[in-house]
Amino acid sequence: MFKNASKLAGLLLLLLLSFIYTDKVFDGARNSDPVMKNIKTYKEKNDVLAVEPIIKDDEIILGYSGLIVNEEESYKKMKEDDKFSEEKIVYEDALPKTTISKTYDYYIKQGNPSKKQVAILFKITSSKQVDELLKLVAKTGSNVSFFVDGSWLESNVETAFSMVNLGSELYNLGYDGKYDKATISNTNNLIESITLKDSSFCLNDEKNEEEKELCKKKKMHSILSTLNNPSINELKAGLVKGAIITYDLNSFDLDLFEIILNTIYSRGYEITSLSSVISEK
């Protein structure tokens, strides 16, 4: 019985060594294939590496993904004709090593700095000026995002639908001025039933570790605005790629709305959704 077991073990070892040898032979043949050699040369010249975020203590300015050649998939496509073709190169995104897709530990201070885009956010805690603002958003076709208080939202669901119908994004501002365990999920559920999207951000005027930890547990990123209620001069001075610009609608001068838009546009920036600015791609 012992001899039979030894023979079986020997056969399995030979089989394993055979597989390893075959793989090495295959890899060697593939790597010496002119098609693969051309792919590797192209990759060396054209890969765009990811840019890591800038982190200072508990604040983060996003990095952004690179674009790299997938050798295996490119090789498979080109072997159909057995020749190198730049048109058949297959690319894939390569996220930074520190990516917000894996961590919720930081306050996001600025979005993707590779694109000349900014996000405008409005905090909604009462119905003051909401209808007037929505008329301006509709008139200008501008893309703004709203952080709405849970207590306001419960009584103004139809208005929230109007915001979404204008193409605006809707997020959770907390309940009566704060994020707490008892209400954060209720407000998220209501927002998600209206938008059919995840409520994935919290918005902070100042740092609050307890609230950040609560948002983290809900897989929500904490936003600390780049510019908070800026004057026109402060806006001009503070505009950067990926800026997150927040206004409290209760104290906002609606006569400045179109001036703000024109100030941003005149400097070559696009105003887009928060989710687009908070994207590493």
Protein backbone atom coordinates (compact mmCIF):
# COMPACT_ATOMS: atom_id res chain seq x y z
CA MET A 1 0.00 0.00 0.00
CA PHE A 2 2.88 2.34 0.87
CA LYS A 3 4.51 1.61 -2.51
CA ASN A 4 1.28 2.45 -4.35
CA ALA A 5 0.99 5.74 -2.45
CA SER A 6 4.60 6.59 -3.30
CA LYS A 7 4.01 5.83 -6.97
CA LEU A 8 0.89 8.03 -6.98
CA ALA A 9 2.77 10.88 -5.30
CA GLY A 10 5.55 10.51 -7.86
CA LEU A 11 3.10 10.63 -10.75
CA LEU A 12 1.42 13.74 -9.32
CA LEU A 13 4.81 15.43 -8.93
CA LEU A 14 5.75 14.60 -12.51
CA LEU A 15 2.40 15.93 -13.70
CA LEU A 16 2.90 19.17 -11.76
CA LEU A 17 6.43 19.61 -13.11
CA SER A 18 5.09 18.97 -16.60
CA PHE A 19 2.49 21.74 -16.20
CA ILE A 20 5.15 24.17 -14.90
CA TYR A 21 7.48 23.32 -17.79
CA THR A 22 4.67 23.70 -20.34
CA ASP A 23 3.69 27.10 -18.90
CA LYS A 24 7.29 28.27 -19.04
CA VAL A 25 7.63 27.13 -22.64
CA PHE A 26 4.34 28.83 -23.54
CA ASP A 27 5.36 32.05 -21.78
CA GLY A 28 8.73 32.02 -23.49
CA ALA A 29 7.17 31.49 -26.91
CA ARG A 30 4.57 34.20 -26.33
CA ASN A 31 7.11 36.74 -25.07
CA SER A 32 9.31 36.15 -28.12
CA ASP A 33 6.31 36.54 -30.45
CA PRO A 34 6.76 39.74 -32.54
CA VAL A 35 3.15 40.71 -31.77
CA MET A 36 3.77 40.61 -28.00
CA LYS A 37 7.11 42.39 -28.39
CA ASN A 38 5.36 45.24 -30.22
CA ILE A 39 2.67 45.39 -27.55
CA LYS A 40 5.30 45.66 -24.79
CA THR A 41 7.15 48.40 -26.69
CA TYR A 42 3.90 50.29 -27.23
CA LYS A 43 3.02 49.88 -23.54
CA GLU A 44 6.37 51.32 -22.40
CA LYS A 45 5.81 54.44 -24.49
CA ASN A 46 2.09 55.00 -23.92
CA ASP A 47 1.16 53.91 -20.40
CA VAL A 48 -0.15 56.85 -18.35
CA LEU A 49 0.50 56.19 -14.66
CA ALA A 50 -1.96 57.08 -11.91
CA VAL A 51 -1.35 60.27 -9.90
CA GLU A 52 -1.49 59.84 -6.13
CA PRO A 53 -3.65 62.16 -4.01
CA ILE A 54 -2.27 64.96 -1.88
CA ILE A 55 -2.91 64.12 1.78
CA LYS A 56 -2.39 66.56 4.63
CA ASP A 57 -3.33 65.16 8.02
CA ASP A 58 -7.01 64.19 7.63
CA GLU A 59 -7.68 66.11 4.40
CA ILE A 60 -7.32 64.83 0.86
CA ILE A 61 -7.14 66.37 -2.60
CA LEU A 62 -8.00 63.56 -4.97
CA GLY A 63 -5.52 61.83 -7.20
CA TYR A 64 -6.63 60.36 -10.48
CA SER A 65 -6.35 57.13 -12.40
CA GLY A 66 -3.90 56.31 -15.13
CA LEU A 67 -4.56 54.48 -18.37
CA ILE A 68 -2.42 51.45 -19.05
CA VAL A 69 -2.20 48.84 -21.79
CA ASN A 70 -3.57 45.41 -20.91
CA GLU A 71 -0.98 43.12 -22.55
CA GLU A 72 -2.98 39.91 -22.30
CA GLU A 73 -6.24 41.26 -23.74
CA SER A 74 -4.41 43.17 -26.47
CA TYR A 75 -2.48 40.02 -27.42
CA LYS A 76 -5.67 37.93 -27.61
CA LYS A 77 -7.32 40.43 -29.96
CA MET A 78 -4.28 40.76 -32.23
CA LYS A 79 -3.62 37.02 -32.51
CA GLU A 80 -6.86 36.74 -34.47
CA ASP A 81 -4.95 38.28 -37.40
CA ASP A 82 -1.51 37.41 -36.04
CA LYS A 83 -0.23 40.96 -36.45
CA PHE A 84 0.21 44.07 -34.31
CA SER A 85 -2.52 46.70 -34.67
CA GLU A 86 -2.65 49.90 -32.63
CA GLU A 87 -6.43 49.94 -33.11
CA LYS A 88 -6.71 46.69 -31.15
CA ILE A 89 -4.83 47.92 -28.10
CA VAL A 90 -6.93 47.30 -24.97
CA TYR A 91 -6.60 49.87 -22.16
CA GLU A 92 -7.63 49.68 -18.53
CA ASP A 93 -7.89 52.22 -15.74
CA ALA A 94 -5.31 52.04 -12.98
CA LEU A 95 -6.46 53.73 -9.77
CA PRO A 96 -4.02 55.45 -7.38
CA LYS A 97 -2.65 53.31 -4.56
CA THR A 98 -4.57 55.50 -2.12
CA THR A 99 -8.04 55.64 -3.60
CA ILE A 100 -11.34 56.84 -2.15
CA SER A 101 -12.89 53.65 -3.45
CA LYS A 102 -11.13 51.93 -0.53
CA THR A 103 -11.03 54.54 2.23
CA TYR A 104 -13.47 56.91 3.94
CA ASP A 105 -10.93 58.21 6.46
CA TYR A 106 -10.37 61.66 4.97
CA TYR A 107 -12.24 64.90 4.45
CA ILE A 108 -12.34 65.51 0.70
CA LYS A 109 -11.16 69.09 0.27
CA GLN A 110 -10.87 69.16 -3.51
CA GLY A 111 -11.95 66.88 -6.32
CA ASN A 112 -10.11 65.58 -9.37
CA PRO A 113 -7.45 68.18 -10.33
CA SER A 114 -6.88 66.73 -13.80
CA LYS A 115 -10.08 68.22 -15.24
CA LYS A 116 -11.05 71.89 -15.39
CA GLN A 117 -14.31 71.22 -13.62
CA VAL A 118 -15.91 72.55 -10.44
CA ALA A 119 -19.04 71.63 -8.47
CA ILE A 120 -21.52 74.10 -6.99
CA LEU A 121 -23.44 72.85 -3.95
CA PHE A 122 -26.43 74.45 -2.25
CA LYS A 123 -27.36 73.63 1.33
CA ILE A 124 -31.14 73.43 1.78
CA THR A 125 -32.50 73.62 5.33
CA SER A 126 -35.75 75.51 4.71
CA SER A 127 -38.02 76.42 1.80
CA LYS A 128 -36.67 79.98 1.70
CA GLN A 129 -35.72 80.88 -1.92
CA VAL A 130 -35.84 77.24 -3.11
CA ASP A 131 -38.47 77.78 -5.82
CA GLU A 132 -36.71 80.92 -7.03
CA LEU A 133 -33.35 79.11 -7.22
CA LEU A 134 -34.86 76.20 -9.16
CA LYS A 135 -36.27 78.67 -11.69
CA LEU A 136 -32.77 80.11 -12.17
CA VAL A 137 -31.27 76.63 -12.52
CA ALA A 138 -33.88 75.78 -15.16
CA LYS A 139 -33.39 79.11 -16.96
CA THR A 140 -29.59 78.81 -17.15
CA GLY A 141 -29.43 75.04 -17.63
CA SER A 142 -26.75 74.97 -14.96
CA ASN A 143 -25.63 71.82 -13.18
CA VAL A 144 -25.75 72.27 -9.40
CA SER A 145 -26.02 69.75 -6.58
CA PHE A 146 -28.15 69.96 -3.44
CA PHE A 147 -27.52 68.85 0.13
CA VAL A 148 -30.91 68.75 1.81
CA ASP A 149 -31.81 68.61 5.47
CA GLY A 150 -33.81 65.50 6.41
CA SER A 151 -36.53 67.40 8.26
CA TRP A 152 -37.04 69.70 5.25
CA LEU A 153 -37.02 66.78 2.83
CA GLU A 154 -39.79 64.90 4.65
CA SER A 155 -42.16 67.80 3.98
CA ASN A 156 -40.91 68.68 0.49
CA VAL A 157 -40.60 65.44 -1.45
CA GLU A 158 -42.22 66.94 -4.57
CA THR A 159 -39.66 69.77 -4.60
CA ALA A 160 -36.88 67.19 -4.29
CA PHE A 161 -38.27 65.42 -7.36
CA SER A 162 -38.19 68.78 -9.16
CA MET A 163 -34.49 69.10 -8.32
CA VAL A 164 -33.75 65.67 -9.74
CA ASN A 165 -35.83 66.40 -12.85
CA LEU A 166 -33.55 69.39 -13.49
CA GLY A 167 -30.59 67.00 -13.59
CA SER A 168 -29.34 67.94 -10.12
CA GLU A 169 -27.85 65.51 -7.62
CA LEU A 170 -29.38 65.21 -4.15
CA TYR A 171 -27.47 64.34 -0.97
CA ASN A 172 -27.89 64.14 2.80
CA LEU A 173 -27.18 67.27 4.89
CA GLY A 174 -28.10 65.55 8.14
CA TYR A 175 -31.16 66.17 10.28
CA ASP A 176 -31.72 69.52 11.99
CA GLY A 177 -28.10 70.47 11.43
CA LYS A 178 -26.29 67.26 12.35
CA TYR A 179 -25.64 63.69 11.25
CA ASP A 180 -26.71 61.18 13.85
CA LYS A 181 -27.21 57.45 14.07
CA ALA A 182 -30.97 57.68 14.51
CA THR A 183 -31.76 59.63 11.35
CA ILE A 184 -28.95 59.24 8.80
CA SER A 185 -30.31 56.00 7.32
CA ASN A 186 -33.88 57.33 7.17
CA THR A 187 -32.79 60.40 5.18
CA ASN A 188 -30.54 58.28 2.94
CA ASN A 189 -33.40 55.90 2.20
CA LEU A 190 -35.72 58.75 1.28
CA ILE A 191 -33.09 60.37 -0.97
CA GLU A 192 -32.32 57.07 -2.66
CA SER A 193 -36.02 56.40 -3.29
CA ILE A 194 -36.21 59.77 -5.07
CA THR A 195 -32.92 59.67 -7.00
CA LEU A 196 -32.54 55.89 -7.44
CA LYS A 197 -28.86 56.43 -6.60
CA ASP A 198 -26.74 55.98 -3.49
CA SER A 199 -26.56 58.92 -1.10
CA SER A 200 -22.78 58.74 -0.88
CA PHE A 201 -21.60 62.07 0.61
CA CYS A 202 -21.80 64.02 3.86
CA LEU A 203 -21.11 67.77 3.88
CA ASN A 204 -19.24 69.50 6.70
CA ASP A 205 -18.81 73.18 7.54
CA GLU A 206 -16.13 72.18 10.02
CA LYS A 207 -14.46 68.97 11.10
CA ASN A 208 -16.38 66.63 13.34
CA GLU A 209 -14.72 63.27 13.92
CA GLU A 210 -17.80 61.66 15.43
CA GLU A 211 -19.92 62.55 12.40
CA LYS A 212 -17.14 61.53 9.98
CA GLU A 213 -16.95 58.11 11.64
CA LEU A 214 -20.73 57.75 11.36
CA CYS A 215 -20.62 58.64 7.66
CA LYS A 216 -17.70 56.25 7.18
CA LYS A 217 -19.75 53.38 8.62
CA LYS A 218 -22.44 54.18 6.05
CA LYS A 219 -19.77 54.25 3.29
CA MET A 220 -20.31 57.96 2.78
CA HIS A 221 -17.40 60.31 2.05
CA SER A 222 -17.12 63.49 4.10
CA ILE A 223 -16.81 66.72 2.10
CA LEU A 224 -15.05 69.81 3.45
CA SER A 225 -15.67 72.47 0.80
CA THR A 226 -12.82 74.13 -1.09
CA LEU A 227 -14.76 77.44 -0.96
CA ASN A 228 -17.57 78.06 1.50
CA ASN A 229 -19.98 80.95 0.76
CA PRO A 230 -17.29 82.84 -1.20
CA SER A 231 -17.75 86.42 -2.35
CA ILE A 232 -17.20 87.07 -6.05
CA ASN A 233 -13.63 88.22 -5.35
CA GLU A 234 -12.97 85.15 -3.17
CA LEU A 235 -14.38 82.97 -5.94
CA LYS A 236 -12.08 84.56 -8.53
CA ALA A 237 -9.05 84.09 -6.29
CA GLY A 238 -9.89 80.57 -5.16
CA LEU A 239 -10.95 78.83 -8.38
CA VAL A 240 -8.95 75.65 -8.95
CA LYS A 241 -9.54 72.43 -10.84
CA GLY A 242 -11.83 70.18 -8.82
CA ALA A 243 -13.05 72.99 -6.54
CA ILE A 244 -16.11 72.25 -4.41
CA ILE A 245 -18.00 75.52 -3.94
CA THR A 246 -20.75 75.58 -1.32
CA TYR A 247 -23.47 78.15 -0.62
CA ASP A 248 -26.08 78.23 2.14
CA LEU A 249 -29.31 79.12 0.36
CA ASN A 250 -30.75 80.81 3.46
CA SER A 251 -28.15 83.60 3.19
CA PHE A 252 -27.53 83.49 -0.56
CA ASP A 253 -28.12 86.50 -2.80
CA LEU A 254 -30.00 85.14 -5.81
CA ASP A 255 -29.00 88.20 -7.86
CA LEU A 256 -25.44 86.81 -7.78
CA PHE A 257 -26.33 83.41 -9.24
CA GLU A 258 -25.73 84.23 -12.90
CA ILE A 259 -22.72 86.39 -12.03
CA ILE A 260 -21.19 83.39 -10.26
CA LEU A 261 -21.84 81.18 -13.27
CA ASN A 262 -20.33 83.71 -15.66
CA THR A 263 -17.29 84.20 -13.42
CA ILE A 264 -16.61 80.47 -13.51
CA TYR A 265 -17.30 80.04 -17.22
CA SER A 266 -15.16 83.06 -18.16
CA ARG A 267 -12.13 81.33 -16.66
CA GLY A 268 -12.67 78.25 -18.77
CA TYR A 269 -14.16 76.00 -16.11
CA GLU A 270 -17.06 73.60 -16.54
CA ILE A 271 -19.69 73.42 -13.80
CA THR A 272 -20.63 69.80 -13.29
CA SER A 273 -22.11 67.41 -10.74
CA LEU A 274 -20.44 66.62 -7.45
CA SER A 275 -20.07 62.96 -8.41
CA SER A 276 -18.18 63.96 -11.56
CA VAL A 277 -15.78 66.19 -9.62
CA ILE A 278 -15.35 63.50 -6.95
CA SER A 279 -14.22 60.94 -9.49
CA GLU A 280 -10.71 59.59 -9.86
CA LYS A 281 -11.21 58.61 -13.49
